[in-house]
PDB file of N, CA and C in Angstrom:
ATOM      1  N   MET A   1      56.377  47.713  82.949  1.00  0.00           N
ATOM      2  CA  MET A   1      55.278  47.867  83.846  1.00  0.00           C
ATOM      3  C   MET A   1      55.313  48.491  84.711  1.00  0.00           C
ATOM      4  N   PRO A   2      54.795  49.464  85.273  1.00  0.00           N
ATOM      5  CA  PRO A   2      54.404  51.127  85.859  1.00  0.00           C
ATOM      6  C   PRO A   2      53.504  50.325  86.790  1.00  0.00           C
ATOM      7  N   THR A   3      55.205  50.956  88.228  1.00  0.00           N
ATOM      8  CA  THR A   3      54.656  50.484  89.457  1.00  0.00           C
ATOM      9  C   THR A   3      53.287  51.242  89.853  1.00  0.00           C
ATOM     10  N   PRO A   4      52.796  50.614  90.704  1.00  0.00           N
ATOM     11  CA  PRO A   4      50.962  51.154  91.634  1.00  0.00           C
ATOM     12  C   PRO A   4      51.316  51.976  92.420  1.00  0.00           C
ATOM     13  N   HIS A   5      50.723  53.215  92.438  1.00  0.00           N
ATOM     14  CA  HIS A   5      50.329  54.461  92.841  1.00  0.00           C
ATOM     15  C   HIS A   5      50.373  54.360  94.432  1.00  0.00           C
ATOM     16  N   THR A   6      51.039  53.957  95.472  1.00  0.00           N
ATOM     17  CA  THR A   6      51.405  54.138  96.323  1.00  0.00           C
ATOM     18  C   THR A   6      50.513  55.873  97.333  1.00  0.00           C
ATOM     19  N   GLU A   7      49.577  55.696  98.041  1.00  0.00           N
ATOM     20  CA  GLU A   7      49.110  57.167  98.478  1.00  0.00           C
ATOM     21  C   GLU A   7      50.333  57.769 100.167  1.00  0.00           C
ATOM     22  N   HIS A   8      50.427  59.095 100.473  1.00  0.00           N
ATOM     23  CA  HIS A   8      51.279  59.142 101.198  1.00  0.00           C
ATOM     24  C   HIS A   8      50.293  58.786 102.580  1.00  0.00           C
ATOM     25  N   PRO A   9      50.991  58.750 103.097  1.00  0.00           N
ATOM     26  CA  PRO A   9      50.135  57.842 104.487  1.00  0.00           C
ATOM     27  C   PRO A   9      50.010  59.388 105.882  1.00  0.00           C
ATOM     28  N   ALA A  10      50.038  60.341 105.553  1.00  0.00           N
ATOM     29  CA  ALA A  10      49.725  61.477 105.952  1.00  0.00           C
ATOM     30  C   ALA A  10      48.093  61.690 105.526  1.00  0.00           C
ATOM     31  N   ALA A  11      48.177  61.384 104.128  1.00  0.00           N
ATOM     32  CA  ALA A  11      46.912  61.721 103.063  1.00  0.00           C
ATOM     33  C   ALA A  11      45.817  60.454 103.681  1.00  0.00           C
ATOM     34  N   THR A  12      46.667  58.893 103.388  1.00  0.00           N
ATOM     35  CA  THR A  12      45.890  58.150 103.762  1.00  0.00           C
ATOM     36  C   THR A  12      45.000  58.295 105.683  1.00  0.00           C
ATOM     37  N   LEU A  13      45.963  58.436 106.483  1.00  0.00           N
ATOM     38  CA  LEU A  13      45.433  58.868 107.956  1.00  0.00           C
ATOM     39  C   LEU A  13      44.307  60.159 107.801  1.00  0.00           C
ATOM     40  N   LEU A  14      44.113  61.103 106.827  1.00  0.00           N
ATOM     41  CA  LEU A  14      43.134  62.154 106.699  1.00  0.00           C
ATOM     42  C   LEU A  14      42.037  61.230 105.598  1.00  0.00           C
ATOM     43  N   ARG A  15      42.252  60.938 105.354  1.00  0.00           N
ATOM     44  CA  ARG A  15      40.760  59.305 104.078  1.00  0.00           C
ATOM     45  C   ARG A  15      40.386  58.514 105.218  1.00  0.00           C
ATOM     46  N   ASP A  16      40.797  58.513 105.757  1.00  0.00           N
ATOM     47  CA  ASP A  16      40.273  56.953 107.145  1.00  0.00           C
ATOM     48  C   ASP A  16      40.045  58.025 107.848  1.00  0.00           C
ATOM     49  N   ALA A  17      40.368  58.810 108.779  1.00  0.00           N
ATOM     50  CA  ALA A  17      39.609  60.576 109.930  1.00  0.00           C
ATOM     51  C   ALA A  17      38.189  60.336 108.747  1.00  0.00           C
ATOM     52  N   ILE A  18      38.429  61.046 107.604  1.00  0.00           N
ATOM     53  CA  ILE A  18      37.143  61.376 106.857  1.00  0.00           C
ATOM     54  C   ILE A  18      36.118  60.577 106.600  1.00  0.00           C
ATOM     55  N   GLN A  19      35.967  58.757 106.595  1.00  0.00           N
ATOM     56  CA  GLN A  19      35.749  57.981 106.262  1.00  0.00           C
ATOM     57  C   GLN A  19      35.041  57.639 107.820  1.00  0.00           C
ATOM     58  N   ASN A  20      35.747  57.696 108.606  1.00  0.00           N
ATOM     59  CA  ASN A  20      35.331  57.676 110.004  1.00  0.00           C
ATOM     60  C   ASN A  20      34.490  58.804 110.942  1.00  0.00           C
ATOM     61  N   ARG A  21      34.413  59.698 109.878  1.00  0.00           N
ATOM     62  CA  ARG A  21      33.682  61.084 110.114  1.00  0.00           C
ATOM     63  C   ARG A  21      34.333  61.739 111.687  1.00  0.00           C
ATOM     64  N   THR A  22      35.536  61.349 111.466  1.00  0.00           N
ATOM     65  CA  THR A  22      36.297  62.447 113.005  1.00  0.00           C
ATOM     66  C   THR A  22      36.793  63.924 112.551  1.00  0.00           C
ATOM     67  N   ILE A  23      36.832  63.960 111.299  1.00  0.00           N
ATOM     68  CA  ILE A  23      37.520  65.348 110.840  1.00  0.00           C
ATOM     69  C   ILE A  23      36.599  65.592 109.761  1.00  0.00           C
ATOM     70  N   ARG A  24      36.114  67.155 109.411  1.00  0.00           N
ATOM     71  CA  ARG A  24      35.435  67.163 108.724  1.00  0.00           C
ATOM     72  C   ARG A  24      35.743  68.602 107.731  1.00  0.00           C
ATOM     73  N   HIS A  25      36.988  69.198 108.242  1.00  0.00           N
ATOM     74  CA  HIS A  25      37.450  70.792 107.832  1.00  0.00           C
ATOM     75  C   HIS A  25      38.931  70.731 107.920  1.00  0.00           C
ATOM     76  N   GLY A  26      39.310  71.649 107.118  1.00  0.00           N
ATOM     77  CA  GLY A  26      41.156  71.660 106.911  1.00  0.00           C
ATOM     78  C   GLY A  26      41.753  71.891 108.036  1.00  0.00           C
ATOM     79  N   LYS A  27      41.428  72.771 109.469  1.00  0.00           N
ATOM     80  CA  LYS A  27      42.205  72.759 110.024  1.00  0.00           C
ATOM     81  C   LYS A  27      41.614  71.859 111.102  1.00  0.00           C
ATOM     82  N   HIS A  28      40.870  70.817 111.227  1.00  0.00           N
ATOM     83  CA  HIS A  28      41.296  69.473 112.134  1.00  0.00           C
ATOM     84  C   HIS A  28      42.038  68.585 110.712  1.00  0.00           C
ATOM     85  N   ALA A  29      41.623  68.895 109.929  1.00  0.00           N
ATOM     86  CA  ALA A  29      42.750  67.704 109.102  1.00  0.00           C
ATOM     87  C   ALA A  29      44.516  68.405 110.360  1.00  0.00           C
ATOM     88  N   ALA A  30      44.608  69.535 109.712  1.00  0.00           N
ATOM     89  CA  ALA A  30      46.196  69.974 110.377  1.00  0.00           C
ATOM     90  C   ALA A  30      46.421  69.724 111.395  1.00  0.00           C
ATOM     91  N   ARG A  31      45.599  69.606 112.387  1.00  0.00           N
ATOM     92  CA  ARG A  31      45.529  69.157 113.308  1.00  0.00           C
ATOM     93  C   ARG A  31      45.922  67.666 113.522  1.00  0.00           C
ATOM     94  N   LEU A  32      44.900  67.066 113.222  1.00  0.00           N
ATOM     95  CA  LEU A  32      45.338  65.581 112.951  1.00  0.00           C
ATOM     96  C   LEU A  32      46.686  64.985 112.790  1.00  0.00           C
ATOM     97  N   LEU A  33      46.971  65.693 111.892  1.00  0.00           N
ATOM     98  CA  LEU A  33      48.625  65.364 111.026  1.00  0.00           C
ATOM     99  C   LEU A  33      49.537  66.126 111.889  1.00  0.00           C
ATOM    100  N   ARG A  34      49.775  66.922 113.241  1.00  0.00           N
ATOM    101  CA  ARG A  34      50.168  67.774 113.668  1.00  0.00           C
ATOM    102  C   ARG A  34      50.975  66.540 114.808  1.00  0.00           C
ATOM    103  N   ASP A  35      49.204  66.113 114.843  1.00  0.00           N
ATOM    104  CA  ASP A  35      49.312  65.234 116.951  1.00  0.00           C
ATOM    105  C   ASP A  35      50.105  63.783 116.341  1.00  0.00           C
ATOM    106  N   HIS A  36      49.878  63.134 115.001  1.00  0.00           N
ATOM    107  CA  HIS A  36      50.516  62.190 114.278  1.00  0.00           C
ATOM    108  C   HIS A  36      52.394  62.765 113.955  1.00  0.00           C
ATOM    109  N   GLY A  37      52.937  63.660 114.033  1.00  0.00           N
ATOM    110  CA  GLY A  37      54.229  64.006 113.957  1.00  0.00           C
ATOM    111  C   GLY A  37      54.585  64.237 112.688  1.00  0.00           C
ATOM    112  N   HIS A  38      53.181  64.985 111.836  1.00  0.00           N
ATOM    113  CA  HIS A  38      53.125  65.793 110.173  1.00  0.00           C
ATOM    114  C   HIS A  38      53.430  66.660 110.194  1.00  0.00           C
ATOM    115  N   THR A  39      54.248  67.141 110.882  1.00  0.00           N
ATOM    116  CA  THR A  39      54.699  68.822 111.279  1.00  0.00           C
ATOM    117  C   THR A  39      54.600  69.805 110.274  1.00  0.00           C
ATOM    118  N   THR A  40      55.341  69.362 109.500  1.00  0.00           N
ATOM    119  CA  THR A  40      55.400  70.253 107.870  1.00  0.00           C
ATOM    120  C   THR A  40      53.717  70.569 107.112  1.00  0.00           C
ATOM    121  N   LEU A  41      53.255  69.355 107.198  1.00  0.00           N
ATOM    122  CA  LEU A  41      52.293  69.131 106.193  1.00  0.00           C
ATOM    123  C   LEU A  41      51.253  69.878 106.760  1.00  0.00           C
ATOM    124  N   ALA A  42      50.868  69.672 107.982  1.00  0.00           N
ATOM    125  CA  ALA A  42      50.157  70.103 108.865  1.00  0.00           C
ATOM    126  C   ALA A  42      50.304  72.111 108.751  1.00  0.00           C
ATOM    127  N   ASP A  43      51.337  71.917 108.780  1.00  0.00           N
ATOM    128  CA  ASP A  43      52.034  73.715 108.798  1.00  0.00           C
ATOM    129  C   ASP A  43      51.665  74.266 107.297  1.00  0.00           C
ATOM    130  N   ARG A  44      51.596  73.190 106.173  1.00  0.00           N
ATOM    131  CA  ARG A  44      51.422  73.477 104.495  1.00  0.00           C
ATOM    132  C   ARG A  44      49.486  73.869 104.688  1.00  0.00           C
ATOM    133  N   LEU A  45      49.188  72.860 105.363  1.00  0.00           N
ATOM    134  CA  LEU A  45      47.588  72.711 105.221  1.00  0.00           C
ATOM    135  C   LEU A  45      46.718  74.699 106.298  1.00  0.00           C
ATOM    136  N   ASP A  46      47.643  74.512 107.222  1.00  0.00           N
ATOM    137  CA  ASP A  46      46.839  75.755 107.700  1.00  0.00           C
ATOM    138  C   ASP A  46      47.565  76.478 107.456  1.00  0.00           C
ATOM    139  N   ARG A  47      48.706  77.268 106.495  1.00  0.00           N
ATOM    140  CA  ARG A  47      48.788  78.168 105.598  1.00  0.00           C
ATOM    141  C   ARG A  47      47.449  78.042 104.672  1.00  0.00           C
ATOM    142  N   GLU A  48      46.893  77.046 103.626  1.00  0.00           N
ATOM    143  CA  GLU A  48      46.389  77.102 103.062  1.00  0.00           C
ATOM    144  C   GLU A  48      45.030  77.252 103.752  1.00  0.00           C
ATOM    145  N   VAL A  49      45.080  77.247 104.606  1.00  0.00           N
ATOM    146  CA  VAL A  49      43.153  77.899 104.566  1.00  0.00           C
ATOM    147  C   VAL A  49      43.134  78.655 105.545  1.00  0.00           C
ATOM    148  N   SER A  50      44.365  79.457 105.841  1.00  0.00           N
ATOM    149  CA  SER A  50      44.202  80.929 105.620  1.00  0.00           C
ATOM    150  C   SER A  50      44.059  81.567 104.493  1.00  0.00           C
ATOM    151  N   ALA A  51      44.596  80.938 103.624  1.00  0.00           N
ATOM    152  CA  ALA A  51      44.939  81.539 102.162  1.00  0.00           C
ATOM    153  C   ALA A  51      43.391  81.677 101.557  1.00  0.00           C
ATOM    154  N   ARG A  52      43.154  80.697 102.079  1.00  0.00           N
ATOM    155  CA  ARG A  52      41.157  79.895 101.401  1.00  0.00           C
ATOM    156  C   ARG A  52      39.964  80.669 102.439  1.00  0.00           C
ATOM    157  N   CYS A  53      40.338  82.028 103.328  1.00  0.00           N
ATOM    158  CA  CYS A  53      40.046  82.395 104.473  1.00  0.00           C
ATOM    159  C   CYS A  53      38.757  81.018 105.275  1.00  0.00           C
ATOM    160  N   GLY A  54      39.682  80.351 105.165  1.00  0.00           N
ATOM    161  CA  GLY A  54      38.600  79.343 106.231  1.00  0.00           C
ATOM    162  C   GLY A  54      38.072  77.824 105.414  1.00  0.00           C
ATOM    163  N   HIS A  55      38.230  78.674 104.038  1.00  0.00           N
ATOM    164  CA  HIS A  55      37.342  76.794 103.040  1.00  0.00           C
ATOM    165  C   HIS A  55      38.271  76.070 102.386  1.00  0.00           C
ATOM    166  N   LEU A  56      38.366  75.366 103.595  1.00  0.00           N
ATOM    167  CA  LEU A  56      38.730  73.905 103.363  1.00  0.00           C
ATOM    168  C   LEU A  56      38.432  73.293 103.705  1.00  0.00           C
ATOM    169  N   SER A  57      38.058  71.793 103.073  1.00  0.00           N
ATOM    170  CA  SER A  57      37.498  70.600 103.855  1.00  0.00           C
ATOM    171  C   SER A  57      38.385  69.603 103.986  1.00  0.00           C
ATOM    172  N   ALA A  58      38.298  68.477 104.668  1.00  0.00           N
ATOM    173  CA  ALA A  58      38.959  67.929 104.916  1.00  0.00           C
ATOM    174  C   ALA A  58      39.356  66.825 104.207  1.00  0.00           C
ATOM    175  N   ARG A  59      38.312  67.437 103.026  1.00  0.00           N
ATOM    176  CA  ARG A  59      38.953  66.157 101.584  1.00  0.00           C
ATOM    177  C   ARG A  59      39.706  66.634 100.621  1.00  0.00           C
ATOM    178  N   GLN A  60      39.507  68.214 100.481  1.00  0.00           N
ATOM    179  CA  GLN A  60      40.523  69.272  99.948  1.00  0.00           C
ATOM    180  C   GLN A  60      41.782  68.609 100.634  1.00  0.00           C
ATOM    181  N   ALA A  61      41.603  69.309 101.511  1.00  0.00           N
ATOM    182  CA  ALA A  61      43.378  68.970 102.367  1.00  0.00           C
ATOM    183  C   ALA A  61      43.880  67.851 101.679  1.00  0.00           C
ATOM    184  N   ALA A  62      42.864  66.568 101.986  1.00  0.00           N
ATOM    185  CA  ALA A  62      43.564  64.870 101.612  1.00  0.00           C
ATOM    186  C   ALA A  62      43.834  65.282 100.560  1.00  0.00           C
ATOM    187  N   ASP A  63      43.283  65.824  99.997  1.00  0.00           N
ATOM    188  CA  ASP A  63      43.570  65.629  98.007  1.00  0.00           C
ATOM    189  C   ASP A  63      45.061  66.656  97.690  1.00  0.00           C
ATOM    190  N   LEU A  64      44.400  67.774  98.118  1.00  0.00           N
ATOM    191  CA  LEU A  64      46.269  68.523  98.679  1.00  0.00           C
ATOM    192  C   LEU A  64      47.498  68.285  98.721  1.00  0.00           C
ATOM    193  N   ILE A  65      47.461  67.554 100.114  1.00  0.00           N
ATOM    194  CA  ILE A  65      48.767  66.192 101.088  1.00  0.00           C
ATOM    195  C   ILE A  65      49.275  65.684  99.708  1.00  0.00           C
ATOM    196  N   GLU A  66      48.315  65.119  98.645  1.00  0.00           N
ATOM    197  CA  GLU A  66      48.462  63.746  97.554  1.00  0.00           C
ATOM    198  C   GLU A  66      49.050  64.646  96.444  1.00  0.00           C
ATOM    199  N   SER A  67      48.586  65.640  96.637  1.00  0.00           N
ATOM    200  CA  SER A  67      49.286  65.881  95.183  1.00  0.00           C
ATOM    201  C   SER A  67      49.965  66.608  95.046  1.00  0.00           C
ATOM    202  N   GLU A  68      50.598  67.184  96.567  1.00  0.00           N
ATOM    203  CA  GLU A  68      52.032  67.883  97.105  1.00  0.00           C
ATOM    204  C   GLU A  68      53.262  66.993  97.166  1.00  0.00           C
ATOM    205  N   THR A  69      52.934  65.508  97.323  1.00  0.00           N
ATOM    206  CA  THR A  69      53.814  64.487  98.034  1.00  0.00           C
ATOM    207  C   THR A  69      53.688  63.213  96.686  1.00  0.00           C
ATOM    208  N   ALA A  70      52.980  63.871  95.640  1.00  0.00           N
ATOM    209  CA  ALA A  70      53.023  62.557  94.863  1.00  0.00           C
ATOM    210  C   ALA A  70      54.373  62.433  94.249  1.00  0.00           C
TER     211      ALA A  70
END
């Protein structure tokens, strides 16, 4: 029997903030992660925002975190 997939805590944090409409942009997502001690993931998002010339939504950031930590 396969084990159910559980979302990474950082991705859950981002998705909750997105649902509550407290963040909308990848930069905001990085700041939220950094504030909650996820500095390595926040640095990763900062690099991705830069690589995409600022075009990274908070939802895309959560998806990126989830795909890279799965």
